[in-house]
Protein backbone atom coordinates (compact mmCIF):
# COMPACT_ATOMS: atom_id res chain seq x y z
CA MET A 1 0.00 0.00 0.00
CA LYS A 2 2.89 2.35 0.74
CA LYS A 3 4.26 1.87 -2.79
CA MET A 4 0.78 2.31 -4.21
CA LYS A 5 0.29 5.62 -2.36
CA GLU A 6 3.66 6.92 -3.54
CA LEU A 7 2.91 6.08 -7.17
CA VAL A 8 -0.52 7.69 -6.90
CA ARG A 9 1.10 10.80 -5.39
CA MET A 10 3.61 10.95 -8.25
CA THR A 11 0.76 10.69 -10.76
CA PHE A 12 -1.00 13.64 -9.08
CA LEU A 13 2.20 15.71 -9.25
CA THR A 14 2.61 14.88 -12.93
CA LYS A 15 -0.98 15.89 -13.65
CA PHE A 16 -0.55 19.19 -11.81
CA ALA A 17 2.40 19.97 -14.10
CA TYR A 18 0.06 19.95 -17.13
CA MET A 19 -2.93 21.86 -15.73
CA LYS A 20 -3.42 24.04 -18.84
CA ALA A 21 -3.93 20.97 -21.00
CA PHE A 22 -6.23 19.56 -18.31
CA TRP A 23 -8.45 22.65 -18.30
CA PHE A 24 -8.78 22.49 -22.09
CA ASN A 25 -9.84 18.86 -21.67
CA VAL A 26 -12.44 19.92 -19.09
CA LEU A 27 -13.82 22.58 -21.45
CA GLY A 28 -14.00 20.04 -24.26
CA THR A 29 -15.99 17.62 -22.10
CA GLY A 30 -18.33 20.41 -20.98
CA ALA A 31 -18.90 21.48 -24.59
CA SER A 32 -19.69 17.91 -25.67
CA ILE A 33 -22.26 17.59 -22.86
CA VAL A 34 -24.01 20.81 -23.95
CA ILE A 35 -24.04 19.73 -27.61
CA TYR A 36 -25.49 16.30 -26.83
CA TYR A 37 -28.02 17.89 -24.47
CA PHE A 38 -29.44 20.13 -27.22
CA LEU A 39 -29.47 17.24 -29.70
CA TRP A 40 -31.57 15.16 -27.31
CA GLN A 41 -33.82 18.14 -26.60
CA PHE A 42 -34.64 18.22 -30.31
CA VAL A 43 -35.40 14.47 -30.27
CA PHE A 44 -37.76 14.85 -27.29
CA GLN A 45 -39.72 17.74 -28.82
CA LYS A 46 -42.10 15.28 -30.48
CA GLN A 47 -42.23 12.61 -27.77
CA ASN A 48 -42.28 12.43 -24.00
CA SER A 49 -40.17 9.28 -23.66
CA LEU A 50 -37.83 7.07 -25.65
CA ASN A 51 -37.40 3.42 -24.67
CA GLY A 52 -38.45 4.30 -21.11
CA PHE A 53 -36.17 7.36 -20.86
CA THR A 54 -37.67 10.78 -20.16
CA MET A 55 -35.82 13.96 -21.17
CA VAL A 56 -34.66 14.47 -17.58
CA GLN A 57 -33.28 10.94 -17.44
CA MET A 58 -31.63 11.34 -20.84
CA THR A 59 -30.03 14.57 -19.64
CA THR A 60 -28.62 12.64 -16.69
CA TYR A 61 -27.43 9.90 -19.05
CA VAL A 62 -25.69 12.47 -21.26
CA ILE A 63 -23.91 14.16 -18.34
CA LEU A 64 -22.69 10.95 -16.72
CA SER A 65 -21.88 9.06 -19.93
CA ARG A 66 -19.90 11.92 -21.47
CA ILE A 67 -17.91 12.41 -18.27
CA LEU A 68 -17.15 8.70 -17.90
CA SER A 69 -16.25 8.26 -21.57
CA SER A 70 -13.94 11.30 -21.45
CA GLN A 71 -11.44 8.99 -19.70
CA PHE A 72 -11.01 6.97 -22.89
CA GLY A 73 -8.80 9.66 -24.41
CA GLY A 74 -6.08 9.09 -21.80
CA GLY A 75 -5.11 6.05 -19.81
CA ILE A 76 -1.90 4.19 -19.14
CA ASN A 77 -1.73 2.83 -22.71
CA GLU A 78 -0.27 6.17 -23.82
CA GLU A 79 2.51 6.12 -21.23
CA LEU A 80 3.26 2.42 -21.81
CA SER A 81 3.41 2.98 -25.59
CA GLN A 82 5.76 5.92 -25.10
CA TRP A 83 8.07 3.80 -22.94
CA ILE A 84 8.20 1.20 -25.70
CA TYR A 85 8.56 3.73 -28.51
CA GLU A 86 11.35 5.66 -26.73
CA GLY A 87 13.15 2.54 -25.48
CA LYS A 88 12.49 3.22 -21.79
CA ILE A 89 10.59 -0.02 -21.25
CA GLY A 90 13.83 -1.87 -20.38
CA VAL A 91 14.38 0.39 -17.37
CA GLU A 92 10.80 -0.15 -16.19
CA LEU A 93 11.17 -3.93 -16.46
CA LEU A 94 14.27 -3.82 -14.25
CA ARG A 95 12.47 -2.12 -11.36
CA PRO A 96 11.85 -4.24 -8.20
CA ILE A 97 8.07 -3.97 -8.61
CA SER A 98 6.07 -5.49 -11.44
CA LEU A 99 5.04 -3.49 -14.49
CA PHE A 100 1.38 -4.35 -13.81
CA PHE A 101 1.58 -2.94 -10.27
CA THR A 102 3.32 0.26 -11.40
CA LEU A 103 0.84 0.96 -14.18
CA PHE A 104 -2.22 0.01 -12.12
CA ALA A 105 -1.14 2.42 -9.37
CA LYS A 106 -0.67 5.13 -11.99
CA ARG A 107 -4.11 4.36 -13.45
CA MET A 108 -5.72 4.65 -10.03
CA GLY A 109 -3.93 7.95 -9.53
CA GLU A 110 -5.25 9.19 -12.87
CA PHE A 111 -8.77 8.13 -11.96
CA LEU A 112 -8.70 9.78 -8.53
CA PHE A 113 -7.38 12.99 -10.10
CA PHE A 114 -10.11 12.77 -12.74
CA LEU A 115 -12.75 12.19 -10.06
CA LEU A 116 -11.69 15.07 -7.80
CA PHE A 117 -10.92 17.73 -10.41
CA LYS A 118 -13.15 16.80 -13.33
CA GLY A 119 -15.81 14.16 -12.69
CA VAL A 120 -17.45 15.55 -9.56
CA PRO A 121 -17.16 19.31 -10.35
CA ILE A 122 -18.47 19.00 -13.92
CA SER A 123 -21.30 16.70 -12.80
CA ILE A 124 -22.47 19.17 -10.14
CA LEU A 125 -22.19 22.15 -12.51
CA CYS A 126 -24.05 20.41 -15.35
CA PHE A 127 -26.78 19.11 -13.03
CA LEU A 128 -27.33 22.64 -11.72
CA ILE A 129 -27.42 24.25 -15.18
CA LEU A 130 -28.97 21.59 -17.43
CA GLY A 131 -31.01 19.69 -14.88
CA GLY A 132 -30.98 15.97 -14.27
CA THR A 133 -32.23 13.49 -11.76
CA ALA A 134 -30.87 12.23 -8.48
CA PRO A 135 -29.96 8.53 -8.12
CA ALA A 136 -32.93 6.17 -8.07
CA GLY A 137 -32.01 5.37 -4.46
CA VAL A 138 -29.18 5.28 -1.95
CA LEU A 139 -28.41 1.66 -2.84
CA ASN A 140 -28.38 2.58 -6.54
CA PHE A 141 -25.80 5.28 -5.87
CA ILE A 142 -23.59 2.90 -3.86
CA LEU A 143 -23.78 0.27 -6.61
CA PHE A 144 -23.13 2.98 -9.21
CA VAL A 145 -19.88 3.96 -7.46
CA LEU A 146 -18.80 0.32 -7.03
CA SER A 147 -19.58 -0.37 -10.68
CA ILE A 148 -17.39 2.56 -11.75
CA PHE A 149 -14.45 1.27 -9.71
CA ILE A 150 -14.82 -2.20 -11.27
CA SER A 151 -14.97 -0.55 -14.70
CA ILE A 152 -11.60 1.10 -14.03
CA VAL A 153 -10.08 -2.36 -13.56
CA ILE A 154 -11.60 -3.48 -16.88
CA MET A 155 -10.35 -0.32 -18.54
CA PHE A 156 -6.85 -0.81 -17.11
CA PHE A 157 -6.38 -4.27 -18.65
CA ILE A 158 -7.73 -3.11 -22.02
CA GLU A 159 -5.39 -0.11 -21.93
CA PHE A 160 -2.48 -2.35 -20.95
CA MET A 161 -3.03 -4.62 -23.96
CA VAL A 162 -3.45 -1.64 -26.28
CA GLY A 163 -0.20 -0.16 -24.95
CA ILE A 164 1.67 -3.45 -25.39
CA CYS A 165 0.64 -3.44 -29.07
CA ALA A 166 3.24 -0.67 -29.58
CA PHE A 167 5.83 -3.48 -29.68
CA TYR A 168 4.30 -4.42 -33.04
CA THR A 169 3.21 -1.02 -34.40
CA TYR A 170 6.25 0.99 -33.19
CA GLY A 171 3.98 3.97 -32.63
CA TYR A 172 1.13 4.90 -30.33
CA HIS A 173 -0.95 7.79 -31.69
CA GLY A 174 -3.04 5.61 -34.00
CA LEU A 175 -3.62 3.06 -31.24
CA MET A 176 -4.68 5.76 -28.81
CA PHE A 177 -7.26 7.32 -31.14
CA THR A 178 -8.62 3.95 -32.26
CA LYS A 179 -9.06 2.80 -28.66
CA SER A 180 -10.78 6.02 -27.66
CA ALA A 181 -13.21 5.93 -30.61
CA LEU A 182 -14.11 2.25 -30.25
CA LEU A 183 -14.64 2.40 -26.49
CA SER A 184 -16.78 5.54 -26.77
CA ILE A 185 -19.07 3.86 -29.30
CA LEU A 186 -19.24 0.34 -27.85
CA SER A 187 -19.67 1.43 -24.21
CA GLY A 188 -22.70 3.63 -24.86
CA GLY A 189 -20.68 6.78 -24.31
CA ILE A 190 -21.87 8.46 -27.51
CA VAL A 191 -25.42 7.07 -27.75
CA PRO A 192 -27.22 4.63 -25.43
CA ILE A 193 -26.78 1.00 -26.40
CA PHE A 194 -30.54 0.53 -26.85
CA LEU A 195 -30.36 2.69 -30.00
CA PHE A 196 -28.18 0.09 -31.74
CA PRO A 197 -29.87 -2.64 -33.85
CA LYS A 198 -31.60 -5.09 -31.52
CA GLY A 199 -29.21 -8.01 -32.04
CA LEU A 200 -26.09 -5.86 -31.74
CA ALA A 201 -27.46 -4.11 -28.64
CA ALA A 202 -28.08 -7.49 -26.98
CA VAL A 203 -24.47 -8.53 -27.65
CA LEU A 204 -22.94 -5.21 -26.55
CA THR A 205 -24.88 -5.27 -23.28
CA TYR A 206 -22.93 -8.36 -22.23
CA MET A 207 -19.54 -7.21 -23.52
CA PRO A 208 -16.95 -5.62 -21.17
CA PHE A 209 -17.33 -2.21 -22.85
CA ALA A 210 -20.89 -1.74 -21.53
CA GLY A 211 -19.53 -2.03 -18.00
CA MET A 212 -17.55 1.19 -18.48
CA VAL A 213 -20.48 3.52 -19.16
CA SER A 214 -23.86 1.95 -19.88
CA VAL A 215 -24.07 -0.35 -16.85
CA PRO A 216 -23.05 2.21 -14.17
CA VAL A 217 -25.34 4.91 -15.58
CA ASN A 218 -28.32 2.57 -15.91
CA ILE A 219 -27.76 1.44 -12.31
CA TYR A 220 -27.74 5.10 -11.23
CA LEU A 221 -31.01 5.76 -13.09
CA GLY A 222 -32.70 2.67 -11.68
CA LYS A 223 -33.15 1.05 -15.09
CA TYR A 224 -32.18 -2.28 -13.53
CA VAL A 225 -33.88 -3.97 -10.60
CA LEU A 226 -31.54 -5.10 -7.80
CA ALA A 227 -31.13 -8.61 -9.25
CA GLU A 228 -30.21 -7.19 -12.67
CA SER A 229 -27.74 -4.74 -11.14
CA ALA A 230 -26.08 -7.61 -9.25
CA LYS A 231 -25.98 -9.70 -12.45
CA PHE A 232 -24.32 -6.99 -14.51
CA MET A 233 -21.83 -6.18 -11.75
CA MET A 234 -20.91 -9.86 -11.50
CA LEU A 235 -20.46 -9.83 -15.26
CA GLN A 236 -18.12 -6.86 -14.84
CA ILE A 237 -16.05 -8.85 -12.33
CA VAL A 238 -15.93 -11.87 -14.67
CA TRP A 239 -14.75 -9.68 -17.55
CA ALA A 240 -12.12 -8.09 -15.29
CA LEU A 241 -10.76 -11.57 -14.48
CA VAL A 242 -10.86 -12.67 -18.13
CA LEU A 243 -9.06 -9.51 -19.29
CA CYS A 244 -6.54 -9.87 -16.45
CA LEU A 245 -5.67 -13.36 -17.69
CA ALA A 246 -5.55 -12.19 -21.32
CA ALA A 247 -3.28 -9.25 -20.41
CA HIS A 248 -0.85 -11.49 -18.51
CA LEU A 249 -0.73 -14.03 -21.34
CA PHE A 250 -0.20 -11.30 -23.95
CA TYR A 251 2.47 -9.67 -21.78
CA GLY A 252 4.26 -12.99 -21.29
CA HIS A 253 4.28 -13.61 -25.06
CA VAL A 254 5.57 -10.12 -25.88
CA ILE A 255 8.33 -10.19 -23.27
CA LYS A 256 9.66 -13.47 -24.69
CA LYS A 257 9.65 -11.88 -28.14
CA VAL A 258 11.54 -8.84 -26.83
CA VAL A 259 14.19 -10.99 -25.17
CA VAL A 260 14.70 -12.95 -28.40
CA GLN A 261 15.11 -9.71 -30.35
CA GLY A 262 17.59 -8.39 -27.82
CA GLY A 263 15.39 -5.75 -26.07
């Protein structure tokens, strides 16, 4: 835990060094929320509800989903790819703590920074200006928070595997943008999953991507009964374990390849 705290602290210090870029990111997220809000207002001019969502609930969905999906643009995949691209990965592999532990601690630091300086402030401001609805209940809010923390674990392993791909692509900008675009679409961060074709929506609901945006927000709104919330959260945990195994296997394969090539 002491090592974890130190790595989280270092991540905070690094983020504070780039506050101008961070504020531009905050403004971009705020602008996207406003744009989506007015688009959905137009949709709801001719109807009171859409697939069980009222305009107030859709406003809440827009605020929370855009804030959560704004994390897709960053992540540890960028730093890991840079280490590989610049040849610093050898130094990181020689450290007395595992690469997974180092990067997970950094990812948690990024998330806590995001939560304190972006997630909570923007949510409060947008709820006050645009409106929105409170959680469906105290239990819903607790499960919503737990679901988000599980989603960070899922996101970490996906980002790790995307970052490792730099060993094959020898670059990271294309990987970063592709990851961000795909996760935003498949998680329900751009439009709710129920707007996809019925068959595709059914598949996406049970994929790990839904656990990053759609599942937490629907839990918050009370779109799931308690049993459904528990089911989807268990599915999140299963996907986290599957992706953990996949990331370790992929990492083990790549490291052997690197050793054979001489680093």
